């Protein structure tokens, strides 16, 4: 439908404008209580294995687990996603038909 197409284009435009955050950011377009479009901005991950040379698997697992625990600890506080003014203007600007 027309609403779904408009919702998909708005969600895609906003997703392309926003920067990636520490967590996954979910962008949804809804009509009433029905979700008509959804995009997920994947989280930024630091490469904690960059300093590991060779094949010490247990050390690599330890570093990845430590990273996962830190993300869990930070996930307890709900964060705000800063949305730049330019992103709002781009998403809400009327599209020229042509």
Protein backbone atom coordinates (compact mmCIF):
# COMPACT_ATOMS: atom_id res chain seq x y z
CA UNK A 1 0.00 0.00 0.00
CA UNK A 2 0.95 3.66 -0.21
CA UNK A 3 1.49 3.91 3.57
CA UNK A 4 3.86 0.93 3.55
CA UNK A 5 5.90 2.35 0.68
CA UNK A 6 6.14 5.75 2.37
CA UNK A 7 7.05 4.10 5.69
CA UNK A 8 9.76 1.98 4.09
CA UNK A 9 11.30 4.97 2.32
CA UNK A 10 11.27 7.08 5.51
CA UNK A 11 12.83 4.32 7.59
CA UNK A 12 15.51 3.69 4.96
CA UNK A 13 16.29 7.41 4.71
CA UNK A 14 16.60 7.76 8.48
CA UNK A 15 18.74 4.64 8.75
CA UNK A 16 21.14 5.97 6.13
CA UNK A 17 21.43 9.32 7.96
CA UNK A 18 22.06 8.04 11.50
CA UNK A 19 25.46 6.99 12.83
CA UNK A 20 25.98 3.57 14.34
CA UNK A 21 25.78 3.46 18.14
CA UNK A 22 27.15 1.22 20.89
CA UNK A 23 23.90 -0.80 20.73
CA UNK A 24 21.62 -2.00 17.98
CA UNK A 25 19.17 0.78 17.13
CA UNK A 26 15.75 -0.26 15.82
CA UNK A 27 13.88 2.18 13.58
CA UNK A 28 10.20 1.47 12.98
CA UNK A 29 7.38 3.07 11.03
CA UNK A 30 3.94 2.42 12.51
CA UNK A 31 0.35 3.10 11.57
CA UNK A 32 -1.67 2.88 14.75
CA UNK A 33 -0.32 -0.20 16.52
CA UNK A 34 0.74 -1.96 13.31
CA UNK A 35 4.44 -1.86 12.36
CA UNK A 36 4.70 -1.38 8.60
CA UNK A 37 8.47 -0.94 8.20
CA UNK A 38 11.51 -1.78 10.33
CA UNK A 39 15.27 -1.35 10.03
CA UNK A 40 18.04 -2.25 12.45
CA UNK A 41 21.25 -0.24 12.69
CA UNK A 42 23.85 -2.72 13.84
CA UNK A 43 26.06 -1.88 16.81
CA UNK A 44 29.64 -0.74 16.45
CA UNK A 45 32.07 -3.35 17.71
CA UNK A 46 35.64 -2.74 18.69
CA UNK A 47 38.02 -5.38 17.36
CA UNK A 48 39.25 -6.77 20.68
CA UNK A 49 41.05 -9.59 18.90
CA UNK A 50 43.36 -7.23 16.98
CA UNK A 51 46.14 -7.60 19.54
CA UNK A 52 45.92 -11.42 19.63
CA UNK A 53 48.44 -13.06 17.35
CA UNK A 54 48.63 -16.79 16.85
CA UNK A 55 46.16 -19.41 17.90
CA UNK A 56 45.54 -18.99 21.64
CA UNK A 57 41.81 -19.71 21.43
CA UNK A 58 41.17 -19.47 25.18
CA UNK A 59 42.57 -15.92 25.29
CA UNK A 60 40.37 -14.89 22.34
CA UNK A 61 37.28 -16.36 24.02
CA UNK A 62 38.12 -14.55 27.26
CA UNK A 63 38.39 -11.19 25.47
CA UNK A 64 35.10 -11.69 23.59
CA UNK A 65 33.31 -12.73 26.82
CA UNK A 66 34.69 -9.66 28.60
CA UNK A 67 33.37 -7.45 25.79
CA UNK A 68 29.96 -9.14 25.99
CA UNK A 69 29.79 -8.59 29.78
CA UNK A 70 30.58 -4.89 29.35
CA UNK A 71 27.79 -4.53 26.78
CA UNK A 72 25.34 -6.23 29.18
CA UNK A 73 26.34 -3.84 31.96
CA UNK A 74 25.83 -0.80 29.72
CA UNK A 75 22.53 -2.19 28.41
CA UNK A 76 20.95 -1.74 31.83
CA UNK A 77 20.70 1.99 31.18
CA UNK A 78 18.47 2.96 28.29
CA UNK A 79 20.31 5.41 26.07
CA UNK A 80 19.10 8.18 23.82
CA UNK A 81 20.03 8.23 20.16
CA UNK A 82 20.98 11.70 18.95
CA UNK A 83 19.19 12.52 15.70
CA UNK A 84 20.75 15.40 13.76
CA UNK A 85 18.48 18.13 12.41
CA UNK A 86 19.63 17.40 8.84
CA UNK A 87 18.34 13.82 9.18
CA UNK A 88 14.86 15.06 10.17
CA UNK A 89 14.80 17.49 7.25
CA UNK A 90 15.86 14.80 4.79
CA UNK A 91 13.29 12.27 6.03
CA UNK A 92 10.36 14.68 6.25
CA UNK A 93 11.10 16.64 3.05
CA UNK A 94 8.49 15.96 0.37
CA UNK A 95 9.76 13.80 -2.44
CA UNK A 96 9.43 15.29 -5.89
CA UNK A 97 7.34 13.16 -8.21
CA UNK A 98 9.01 12.67 -11.51
